[in-house]
Each structure stands twice: as structure tokens, then as C-alpha cells.
Amino acid sequence: MSNRKRRKPAGFSQDRRAAMAAMAFGAATLALQGRVLAQKAPAKQPTKEELEAAYAETEKLVAKASTADRPGIADWTQVQGQNLTWPAKYYLPWPAGVGHQVYQSWNGNKIGPPRATHMKAQNYYAWDFHIVRGDYICAARDGKVSNVSDQEPAGNENANVIYIDHADGERSVYAHIGSNTALVTVGDKVLAGQKICQGSNESMHLHFVIWKGMIDYPCRFIDYTPFNGVPQYGAVVVSGNKEPDSAVTDEIKNNYRKGEAAFAAKDYLNALKFFLAATAVEVRIEEYERSLERIEECRGLIDAEVTEAIANARNGDFAGADRRFKEIRKKYGDYAKTRIDAALNDLRNDPKFKDWVLKQQSERIWLEARKAEKYEKWDEAIKHYEDLRKLYKKGEPEYEEIRKKLSSLRKAKVLED
């Protein structure tokens, strides 16, 4: 670049140059801050609804067939389980604090043909963990035992197996267990962390896989965070699979008892709250299972009352329906409002019920009208109150209240103008 001095533009003072330099520096600083913030900004976490939708899409691909061409499964030379969007539902199947080596991961990870045994149907998503006789195997998730076979003697121990069925239709399979080591029987309800058997000195490993409809399903472990919850070949992984804290099960039992007392008193709203609290954490003890059943009963009983009120309206008894809705809202609070709105929406497009339905659903308009009035948005408030006035007849208390509101709002608007 030339060292020649450039002529100053006419009227371009030292102060202006300093100001321009400061502006440029400020702009550069803001841009740099923007880049730093962009780098530090955490990735947006998906909502519960978005996750559920992603899980459903993944399951469509998983459920097609037991092949290597499914989510999370990579070539045997590659890391398994990456970019898999799937819930972590299971714990490592041995006691907390104990570590075992991964003999084989998904799709024969790092072993490959011909030795790998996880490159065929029902086993692409399977693991082999180094577990021998004397090492305990635990339920990886709460469920019900559906098959126990531990009678095969040495020389055929690979045929020994335990199945545990889970609430969502999945089944955890514990294969190659030690002869005569089973601690559970068919029909037993078991909790995650509960000891169910021991390993085998013959196979020297536990074969663990999840099935659904005889198709192997992916499994991400709750207590193992590296590699998206999917242990890889050769790793020694330590379990966090402990039986539920007695405080957790005691709370479930306590909420269940309170729910039963409320249910017996026909206080279905409080009963529903207690049963929902009892099922907030999935520990499938008897009280948890019963609470799930009671939740449906409570909802059914409340819905039956809403249905009766709707029946009154269908028969032309709008006053009776109004009275019943007021009673139901008072009795069941926000839950009733949701159920009533759902029932009313079914009648909304029927000309016979349209005005009555709008009147029933006017609470939202009242809130918007009062909010606009509070913030002195006169035109908006007037519009809402005019909409409300159409829903009532002269002589009704609400009609008179709205008429007075409109008069005072119009005066306030004139004074402001």
C-alpha cells in the first residue's frame, strides 16, 4: 500500500473521523458479540410434543422389519446409535455400581463377520455383556415376567432365558443365563434393579435385547450417557440400576390411599389429583397400577356428568344445562372446563346450539374485554363487550353489566380523543 498522504476531504474534521471510528468499532464489537452469543446460545430443546412425534416417526422405521437398515444402526466398523431420536427407558441389566465389559454391541460393532452374531434378524439392536455365574442380572425396567427357562444344564445353558414384558408392549430379553439361578417366576411383577438371575460360565455373557412383536427394537440406557446411551464394543460400563428408593414407593402408596379415600367420598376431582400424583413416577408397584385404573374411572365419572348436561341441552332444556355446567365447574374446576369445552365444540356448528355454545364459552371473551379495559385499549374493549352483549338478552344481569360497561368505555374514549 502507498505511503502517500491522502488529502483530507473538505469539511472532514478530526472529530468527525474519531466519531466515525468509534461507530465502526462499536458496530464491529456488536457483530463480535453477536457471533459469541450465537456460539454460546444453547440449542433449542424440542418440546414434549415434538419429541413424541419424532419417536413415532422412528418407530415406523424400526417396526418395518428386523434389518440393518434402520435408525441408529451403522456399519459394523462405525459407532452405533448416533443421531437416534428414541426415549431412554431401560437401565443397564445388573446392580448399581458394578461395571461389565461390552463383548458385542449393535450390528456386530467392531467385530464384524464372520464372528459377529448381531448381524441377523432380531439381534441387530442386541448387546452381549461379560457376565458370569455369581454375577447378578437385574430387571432393566419395571414389568411382568412372561417366560422363565433356567432348567437347561451345563452344555446347553445358552438356551436359558427370561422375558419381561413392559407397559408399552416392549419385551426385554435376558438370554444365556445360568442354570437354576432364576429368582423370579412367570407372572411376577418386577421393578427395575430387582435381581432376577445370575450369569453363565458357559456363555460368559448376557445376551440382552428388546423385542416388540418379535422385531428387535433400539434401547438407550438411562444410566449411560456416552454415545447417545448406546454402549460400544470393548467399553466397561458401570450400572446405575438400583431398586426404587423406599421414599418413592412410600409416596406412591400414600397418594394412592388418599386417592381411594377421596374416591369413596365421591370427591372425584381430588381423587384424580392424588391418583395422578401416584403415577407421576413410573414404578409399577400394585398401587401404581391401581392408580392408573382409577384415573380412567374418575375421568369417566366426570365426563358422564358433562354428557348428562349436554343431553339436557339437546332436549331443549338450556336452563337445566346451564345450571348443571355451573355445578360441574364449581365441583371439578379447570379439569371440568376442559372437558366441557371439548363437549361444546361438538355442538358449535349446529345452528340450533350455536348461540348457546358461544354463551357457554364466553369466559375467554370476558377475560379479553377486562384486560383491554385495564390497559385502556378502548376500541378493543368496546368490541369485546359488544360481542358479549349479543350473547345475552335484555333483563339478564350480564346484559345490564355489559350495557353499563359500554357506556363508560365510550365516554372514556371521547375524553381521550
Protein backbone atom coordinates (compact mmCIF):
# COMPACT_ATOMS: atom_id res chain seq x y z
CA MET A 1 0.00 0.00 0.00
CA SER A 2 1.31 3.52 -0.84
CA ASN A 3 2.67 5.70 1.98
CA ARG A 4 1.46 8.85 0.26
CA LYS A 5 -0.67 11.05 2.47
CA ARG A 6 -4.18 11.34 1.27
CA ARG A 7 -5.73 14.78 1.03
CA LYS A 8 -8.36 15.39 3.68
CA PRO A 9 -11.81 15.74 2.21
CA ALA A 10 -13.19 19.21 2.64
CA GLY A 11 -15.03 19.64 5.94
CA PHE A 12 -13.93 16.29 7.26
CA SER A 13 -12.77 17.25 10.75
CA GLN A 14 -10.66 15.23 13.19
CA ASP A 15 -13.70 14.99 15.46
CA ARG A 16 -15.83 13.50 12.72
CA ARG A 17 -13.14 10.93 11.90
CA ALA A 18 -12.97 9.99 15.58
CA ALA A 19 -16.75 9.67 15.70
CA MET A 20 -16.80 7.50 12.58
CA ALA A 21 -14.03 5.32 14.01
CA ALA A 22 -15.97 4.94 17.24
CA MET A 23 -19.09 3.95 15.30
CA ALA A 24 -17.15 1.42 13.26
CA PHE A 25 -15.58 0.00 16.42
CA GLY A 26 -18.99 -0.19 18.06
CA ALA A 27 -20.51 -1.97 15.07
CA ALA A 28 -17.62 -4.41 14.99
CA THR A 29 -17.97 -5.02 18.72
CA LEU A 30 -21.70 -5.69 18.37
CA ALA A 31 -21.07 -8.06 15.48
CA LEU A 32 -18.41 -9.88 17.50
CA GLN A 33 -20.73 -10.07 20.50
CA GLY A 34 -23.42 -11.43 18.22
CA ARG A 35 -21.09 -14.15 16.98
CA VAL A 36 -20.01 -15.03 20.53
CA LEU A 37 -23.63 -15.15 21.72
CA ALA A 38 -24.57 -17.26 18.72
CA GLN A 39 -21.77 -19.68 19.56
CA LYS A 40 -22.77 -19.83 23.23
CA ALA A 41 -26.52 -19.95 22.68
CA PRO A 42 -27.77 -23.38 23.67
CA ALA A 43 -29.51 -25.47 21.06
CA LYS A 44 -33.27 -25.15 21.24
CA GLN A 45 -34.69 -28.11 23.12
CA PRO A 46 -37.62 -29.84 21.43
CA THR A 47 -40.99 -29.75 23.15
CA LYS A 48 -42.63 -32.86 24.55
CA GLU A 49 -44.98 -32.91 21.56
CA GLU A 50 -42.09 -32.61 19.10
CA LEU A 51 -40.24 -35.46 20.81
CA GLU A 52 -43.33 -37.68 20.79
CA ALA A 53 -43.75 -37.01 17.06
CA ALA A 54 -40.06 -37.86 16.45
CA TYR A 55 -40.40 -41.09 18.45
CA ALA A 56 -43.44 -42.08 16.39
CA GLU A 57 -41.55 -41.48 13.14
CA THR A 58 -38.59 -43.53 14.39
CA GLU A 59 -40.88 -46.39 15.40
CA LYS A 60 -42.38 -46.51 11.91
CA LEU A 61 -38.90 -47.20 10.53
CA VAL A 62 -37.94 -49.60 13.31
CA ALA A 63 -41.12 -51.67 13.14
CA LYS A 64 -40.89 -52.44 9.40
CA ALA A 65 -38.56 -55.41 9.78
CA SER A 66 -35.54 -56.72 11.62
CA THR A 67 -32.81 -55.42 9.30
CA ALA A 68 -29.63 -53.35 9.49
CA ASP A 69 -31.29 -50.56 7.52
CA ARG A 70 -32.96 -48.84 10.47
CA PRO A 71 -32.39 -45.79 12.73
CA GLY A 72 -29.23 -45.86 14.85
CA ILE A 73 -27.66 -48.88 13.16
CA ALA A 74 -24.40 -48.12 11.37
CA ASP A 75 -21.86 -50.25 9.52
CA TRP A 76 -20.13 -52.66 11.90
CA THR A 77 -16.92 -50.60 11.66
CA GLN A 78 -18.69 -47.44 12.85
CA VAL A 79 -20.08 -46.07 16.10
CA GLN A 80 -23.63 -47.31 16.76
CA GLY A 81 -26.65 -45.35 17.97
CA GLN A 82 -25.69 -41.90 16.74
CA ASN A 83 -28.44 -39.47 15.63
CA LEU A 84 -31.06 -41.80 17.08
CA THR A 85 -34.08 -39.97 18.48
CA TRP A 86 -35.57 -42.51 20.86
CA PRO A 87 -36.54 -42.42 24.57
CA ALA A 88 -34.19 -43.91 27.16
CA LYS A 89 -36.43 -46.34 29.05
CA TYR A 90 -34.05 -49.02 30.39
CA TYR A 91 -31.23 -49.31 32.92
CA LEU A 92 -28.16 -51.49 32.44
CA PRO A 93 -29.23 -55.01 33.49
CA TRP A 94 -27.06 -55.55 36.56
CA PRO A 95 -26.74 -53.99 40.05
CA ALA A 96 -25.81 -50.33 40.51
CA GLY A 97 -22.12 -49.56 40.96
CA VAL A 98 -20.95 -52.69 39.14
CA GLY A 99 -19.12 -52.50 35.79
CA HIS A 100 -19.17 -55.08 32.98
CA GLN A 101 -17.46 -55.12 29.60
CA VAL A 102 -19.34 -54.95 26.30
CA TYR A 103 -18.45 -58.12 24.34
CA GLN A 104 -20.60 -57.13 21.38
CA SER A 105 -22.77 -54.12 20.53
CA TRP A 106 -25.25 -53.42 17.72
CA ASN A 107 -24.68 -54.88 14.27
CA GLY A 108 -21.54 -56.74 15.38
CA ASN A 109 -19.87 -53.45 16.30
CA LYS A 110 -16.05 -53.63 15.78
CA ILE A 111 -16.21 -57.43 15.41
CA GLY A 112 -17.85 -57.94 12.05
CA PRO A 113 -18.24 -61.11 10.02
CA PRO A 114 -17.82 -63.97 10.46
CA ARG A 115 -17.60 -63.87 14.27
CA ALA A 116 -20.31 -61.30 14.97
CA THR A 117 -23.70 -62.73 15.92
CA HIS A 118 -25.63 -59.44 15.94
CA MET A 119 -25.81 -59.08 12.19
CA LYS A 120 -29.03 -61.03 11.74
CA ALA A 121 -32.75 -60.80 12.44
CA GLN A 122 -33.95 -60.00 15.97
CA ASN A 123 -30.43 -59.12 17.11
CA TYR A 124 -29.24 -56.03 15.21
CA TYR A 125 -30.01 -53.93 18.31
CA ALA A 126 -28.63 -56.53 20.78
CA TRP A 127 -25.75 -56.45 23.29
CA ASP A 128 -23.51 -59.08 24.86
CA PHE A 129 -22.24 -58.11 28.31
CA HIS A 130 -19.45 -60.07 30.06
CA ILE A 131 -21.37 -61.58 33.00
CA VAL A 132 -20.63 -64.99 34.56
CA ARG A 133 -22.07 -67.21 37.27
CA GLY A 134 -22.04 -65.40 40.58
CA ASP A 135 -22.72 -62.06 38.85
CA TYR A 136 -26.31 -60.95 39.30
CA ILE A 137 -28.57 -59.86 36.45
CA CYS A 138 -31.32 -57.34 37.24
CA ALA A 139 -34.53 -56.24 35.56
CA ALA A 140 -33.69 -53.33 33.28
CA ARG A 141 -37.18 -51.87 33.65
CA ASP A 142 -40.40 -52.42 35.61
CA GLY A 143 -42.57 -55.12 34.10
CA LYS A 144 -44.15 -58.55 34.34
CA VAL A 145 -42.25 -61.81 33.87
CA SER A 146 -43.69 -63.73 30.90
CA ASN A 147 -41.15 -66.53 30.44
CA VAL A 148 -38.55 -68.23 32.63
CA SER A 149 -36.36 -71.06 31.39
CA ASP A 150 -33.33 -71.86 33.53
CA GLN A 151 -33.55 -75.64 33.66
CA GLU A 152 -31.10 -76.35 30.83
CA PRO A 153 -27.94 -77.90 32.33
CA ALA A 154 -24.30 -77.12 31.60
CA GLY A 155 -23.61 -77.77 27.93
CA ASN A 156 -26.90 -76.17 26.93
CA GLU A 157 -27.08 -73.08 29.15
CA ASN A 158 -27.28 -70.80 26.11
CA ALA A 159 -30.94 -71.88 25.83
CA ASN A 160 -31.81 -70.47 29.27
CA VAL A 161 -33.74 -67.20 29.10
CA ILE A 162 -36.04 -64.78 30.96
CA TYR A 163 -38.56 -62.45 29.30
CA ILE A 164 -40.03 -59.36 30.99
CA ASP A 165 -42.98 -57.61 29.33
CA HIS A 166 -43.44 -53.85 29.70
CA ALA A 167 -46.38 -51.45 29.67
CA ASP A 168 -45.78 -50.17 26.12
CA GLY A 169 -45.70 -53.63 24.53
CA GLU A 170 -41.92 -53.97 24.54
CA ARG A 171 -40.19 -57.04 25.97
CA SER A 172 -36.71 -57.22 27.48
CA VAL A 173 -34.88 -60.50 26.78
CA TYR A 174 -32.17 -61.87 29.10
CA ALA A 175 -30.56 -64.84 27.35
CA HIS A 176 -27.78 -67.33 28.22
CA ILE A 177 -28.44 -67.18 31.97
CA GLY A 178 -27.03 -69.67 34.49
CA SER A 179 -28.84 -72.96 35.12
CA ASN A 180 -31.14 -72.93 38.16
CA THR A 181 -30.34 -69.31 39.02
CA ALA A 182 -33.72 -67.70 38.28
CA LEU A 183 -35.13 -65.70 41.20
CA VAL A 184 -38.49 -64.97 39.53
CA THR A 185 -41.35 -66.98 38.08
CA VAL A 186 -43.87 -66.37 35.31
CA GLY A 187 -46.45 -63.79 36.38
CA ASP A 188 -44.19 -61.99 38.85
CA LYS A 189 -44.21 -58.20 38.75
CA VAL A 190 -40.65 -56.90 38.96
CA LEU A 191 -39.08 -53.48 39.38
CA ALA A 192 -36.00 -52.09 37.69
CA GLY A 193 -32.97 -53.05 39.76
CA GLN A 194 -34.56 -56.21 41.15
CA LYS A 195 -32.27 -59.27 40.87
CA ILE A 196 -33.76 -61.88 38.55
CA CYS A 197 -30.95 -64.43 37.95
CA GLN A 198 -27.18 -64.96 37.54
CA GLY A 199 -24.91 -65.24 34.54
CA SER A 200 -23.43 -68.39 32.99
CA ASN A 201 -19.85 -69.68 33.00
CA GLU A 202 -20.60 -71.45 29.74
CA SER A 203 -21.60 -68.46 27.61
CA MET A 204 -19.57 -65.98 29.69
CA HIS A 205 -22.01 -63.26 28.71
CA LEU A 206 -25.58 -61.98 28.99
CA HIS A 207 -27.29 -61.51 25.64
CA PHE A 208 -29.65 -58.54 26.10
CA VAL A 209 -32.13 -57.24 23.53
CA ILE A 210 -35.53 -55.53 23.33
CA TRP A 211 -38.28 -57.06 21.20
CA LYS A 212 -41.71 -55.84 20.17
CA GLY A 213 -43.82 -58.13 18.06
CA MET A 214 -40.74 -60.34 17.52
CA ILE A 215 -38.81 -57.44 15.97
CA ASP A 216 -35.75 -56.10 17.76
CA TYR A 217 -36.09 -52.52 18.98
CA PRO A 218 -33.48 -49.90 19.88
CA CYS A 219 -32.63 -49.38 23.52
CA ARG A 220 -30.93 -46.35 25.05
CA PHE A 221 -29.84 -46.71 28.67
CA ILE A 222 -30.92 -44.13 31.25
CA ASP A 223 -27.79 -44.65 33.35
CA TYR A 224 -25.24 -44.46 30.50
CA THR A 225 -24.81 -41.11 28.75
CA PRO A 226 -21.85 -41.51 26.30
CA PHE A 227 -22.60 -42.34 22.66
CA ASN A 228 -26.26 -41.34 22.99
CA GLY A 229 -26.86 -44.01 25.67
CA VAL A 230 -25.62 -46.87 23.43
CA PRO A 231 -22.54 -48.71 24.85
CA GLN A 232 -19.92 -49.62 22.23
CA TYR A 233 -17.78 -52.73 21.83
CA GLY A 234 -14.97 -53.08 24.40
CA ALA A 235 -16.24 -50.45 26.85
CA VAL A 236 -16.59 -51.24 30.55
CA VAL A 237 -19.88 -49.71 31.63
CA VAL A 238 -20.99 -49.11 35.19
CA SER A 239 -24.67 -49.54 36.08
CA GLY A 240 -26.86 -47.09 37.94
CA ASN A 241 -29.67 -49.62 38.16
CA LYS A 242 -30.85 -49.58 41.76
CA GLU A 243 -34.22 -50.55 43.12
CA PRO A 244 -36.57 -47.62 43.79
CA ASP A 245 -35.91 -45.64 46.93
CA SER A 246 -38.38 -46.64 49.64
CA ALA A 247 -39.34 -42.96 49.93
CA VAL A 248 -40.57 -43.03 46.30
CA THR A 249 -42.67 -46.17 46.75
CA ASP A 250 -43.99 -44.88 50.10
CA GLU A 251 -45.13 -41.65 48.40
CA ILE A 252 -46.92 -43.62 45.67
CA LYS A 253 -48.68 -45.74 48.29
CA ASN A 254 -49.60 -42.67 50.35
CA ASN A 255 -51.07 -40.82 47.34
CA TYR A 256 -52.96 -43.94 46.35
CA ARG A 257 -54.50 -44.24 49.85
CA LYS A 258 -55.55 -40.57 49.79
CA GLY A 259 -57.00 -41.05 46.32
CA GLU A 260 -59.01 -44.05 47.47
CA ALA A 261 -60.41 -42.09 50.42
CA ALA A 262 -61.47 -39.22 48.14
CA PHE A 263 -62.94 -41.68 45.63
CA ALA A 264 -65.00 -43.36 48.37
CA ALA A 265 -66.31 -39.91 49.36
CA LYS A 266 -67.23 -39.27 45.68
CA ASP A 267 -64.78 -36.35 45.63
CA TYR A 268 -63.59 -37.34 42.18
CA LEU A 269 -61.56 -34.20 41.45
CA ASN A 270 -59.30 -34.64 44.50
CA ALA A 271 -59.22 -38.38 43.89
CA LEU A 272 -57.99 -37.68 40.36
CA LYS A 273 -55.27 -35.36 41.68
CA PHE A 274 -53.99 -37.95 44.14
CA PHE A 275 -54.03 -40.77 41.58
CA LEU A 276 -52.17 -38.57 39.09
CA ALA A 277 -49.59 -37.82 41.80
CA ALA A 278 -49.26 -41.55 42.46
CA THR A 279 -48.36 -42.13 38.81
CA ALA A 280 -46.02 -39.14 38.37
CA VAL A 281 -43.03 -41.50 38.61
CA GLU A 282 -43.33 -44.85 36.83
CA VAL A 283 -42.72 -47.53 39.44
CA ARG A 284 -45.09 -50.30 38.61
CA ILE A 285 -45.97 -51.49 42.07
CA GLU A 286 -49.55 -52.56 42.76
CA GLU A 287 -50.63 -49.11 43.97
CA TYR A 288 -49.24 -47.52 40.80
CA GLU A 289 -51.20 -49.96 38.62
CA ARG A 290 -54.41 -49.41 40.57
CA SER A 291 -53.97 -45.64 40.38
CA LEU A 292 -53.81 -45.84 36.57
CA GLU A 293 -57.15 -47.67 36.58
CA ARG A 294 -58.71 -45.19 38.99
CA ILE A 295 -57.61 -42.23 36.84
CA GLU A 296 -59.69 -43.58 33.98
CA GLU A 297 -62.62 -44.21 36.33
CA CYS A 298 -62.51 -40.64 37.70
CA ARG A 299 -62.33 -39.17 34.22
CA GLY A 300 -65.21 -41.38 33.10
CA LEU A 301 -67.43 -40.30 36.02
CA ILE A 302 -66.74 -36.60 35.43
CA ASP A 303 -67.31 -37.00 31.70
CA ALA A 304 -70.61 -38.74 32.43
CA GLU A 305 -71.83 -35.64 34.28
CA VAL A 306 -70.80 -33.42 31.37
CA THR A 307 -72.63 -35.77 28.99
CA GLU A 308 -75.80 -35.51 31.10
CA ALA A 309 -75.67 -31.71 30.92
CA ILE A 310 -75.21 -31.82 27.15
CA ALA A 311 -78.19 -34.18 26.95
CA ASN A 312 -80.31 -31.53 28.69
CA ALA A 313 -79.32 -29.01 26.02
CA ARG A 314 -80.01 -31.45 23.19
CA ASN A 315 -83.51 -31.92 24.60
CA GLY A 316 -84.07 -28.15 24.61
CA ASP A 317 -83.56 -27.65 28.35
CA PHE A 318 -80.85 -24.96 28.06
CA ALA A 319 -81.56 -23.60 31.54
CA GLY A 320 -81.08 -27.06 33.01
CA ALA A 321 -77.84 -27.49 31.07
CA ASP A 322 -76.62 -24.06 32.27
CA ARG A 323 -77.35 -25.00 35.86
CA ARG A 324 -75.57 -28.36 35.54
CA PHE A 325 -72.49 -26.77 33.95
CA LYS A 326 -72.20 -24.26 36.78
CA GLU A 327 -72.38 -27.11 39.29
CA ILE A 328 -69.79 -29.15 37.38
CA ARG A 329 -67.38 -26.22 37.01
CA LYS A 330 -67.64 -25.45 40.71
CA LYS A 331 -67.16 -29.09 41.62
CA TYR A 332 -64.31 -30.01 39.25
CA GLY A 333 -62.55 -26.72 38.46
CA ASP A 334 -60.20 -26.41 35.49
CA TYR A 335 -60.48 -30.08 34.59
CA ALA A 336 -64.23 -29.69 34.10
CA LYS A 337 -63.74 -26.57 31.95
CA THR A 338 -61.54 -28.52 29.56
CA ARG A 339 -64.00 -31.40 29.29
CA ILE A 340 -66.98 -29.07 28.88
CA ASP A 341 -65.24 -27.12 26.10
CA ALA A 342 -64.48 -30.37 24.27
CA ALA A 343 -68.15 -31.41 24.51
CA LEU A 344 -69.40 -27.97 23.42
CA ASN A 345 -67.18 -27.93 20.35
CA ASP A 346 -69.14 -30.90 19.02
CA LEU A 347 -72.30 -28.72 19.01
CA ARG A 348 -70.74 -25.48 17.83
CA ASN A 349 -71.53 -25.88 14.13
CA ASP A 350 -75.17 -26.82 14.71
CA PRO A 351 -77.33 -23.66 14.17
CA LYS A 352 -79.70 -24.88 16.87
CA PHE A 353 -76.98 -24.73 19.53
CA LYS A 354 -74.57 -22.11 18.16
CA ASP A 355 -75.70 -19.14 20.31
CA TRP A 356 -75.94 -21.26 23.44
CA VAL A 357 -72.46 -22.73 22.89
CA LEU A 358 -70.97 -19.26 22.39
CA LYS A 359 -72.62 -18.14 25.60
CA GLN A 360 -71.13 -21.08 27.45
CA GLN A 361 -67.68 -20.36 26.02
CA SER A 362 -67.87 -16.62 26.67
CA GLU A 363 -65.48 -16.72 29.64
CA ARG A 364 -62.48 -16.16 27.36
CA ILE A 365 -64.14 -13.06 25.82
CA TRP A 366 -64.85 -11.66 29.30
CA LEU A 367 -61.16 -12.02 30.20
CA GLU A 368 -60.02 -10.34 26.99
CA ALA A 369 -62.53 -7.49 27.45
CA ARG A 370 -61.40 -6.80 31.02
CA LYS A 371 -57.75 -6.96 30.02
CA ALA A 372 -58.28 -4.41 27.22
CA GLU A 373 -60.23 -2.17 29.62
CA LYS A 374 -57.42 -2.38 32.21
CA TYR A 375 -54.82 -1.21 29.69
CA GLU A 376 -57.18 1.48 28.31
CA LYS A 377 -57.40 -0.04 24.86
CA TRP A 378 -60.86 1.41 24.42
CA ASP A 379 -61.66 0.27 20.87
CA GLU A 380 -60.61 -3.31 21.62
CA ALA A 381 -62.53 -3.38 24.90
CA ILE A 382 -65.67 -1.96 23.23
CA LYS A 383 -65.51 -4.62 20.50
CA HIS A 384 -65.25 -7.45 23.05
CA TYR A 385 -68.14 -6.13 25.14
CA GLU A 386 -70.28 -5.71 22.02
CA ASP A 387 -69.58 -9.34 21.14
CA LEU A 388 -70.59 -10.35 24.64
CA ARG A 389 -73.82 -8.31 24.57
CA LYS A 390 -75.02 -10.37 21.57
CA LEU A 391 -74.90 -13.50 23.74
CA TYR A 392 -77.35 -12.20 26.38
CA LYS A 393 -80.91 -10.95 26.45
CA LYS A 394 -82.29 -7.75 27.92
CA GLY A 395 -83.09 -8.22 31.57
CA GLU A 396 -80.27 -10.70 32.21
CA PRO A 397 -77.72 -9.41 34.79
CA GLU A 398 -74.85 -9.88 32.35
CA TYR A 399 -76.63 -7.83 29.68
CA GLU A 400 -77.09 -4.90 32.07
CA GLU A 401 -73.48 -5.09 33.24
CA ILE A 402 -72.24 -5.04 29.64
CA ARG A 403 -74.55 -2.12 28.73
CA LYS A 404 -73.11 -0.01 31.57
CA LYS A 405 -69.56 -1.01 30.62
CA LEU A 406 -70.06 0.06 27.02
CA SER A 407 -71.46 3.43 28.12
CA SER A 408 -68.50 4.18 30.41
CA LEU A 409 -65.94 2.97 27.83
CA ARG A 410 -67.36 5.19 25.11
CA LYS A 411 -67.22 8.20 27.44
CA ALA A 412 -63.59 7.38 28.30
CA LYS A 413 -62.76 7.12 24.59
CA VAL A 414 -64.37 10.52 23.85
CA LEU A 415 -62.48 12.17 26.70
CA GLU A 416 -59.18 10.72 25.46
CA ASP A 417 -59.84 11.84 21.88
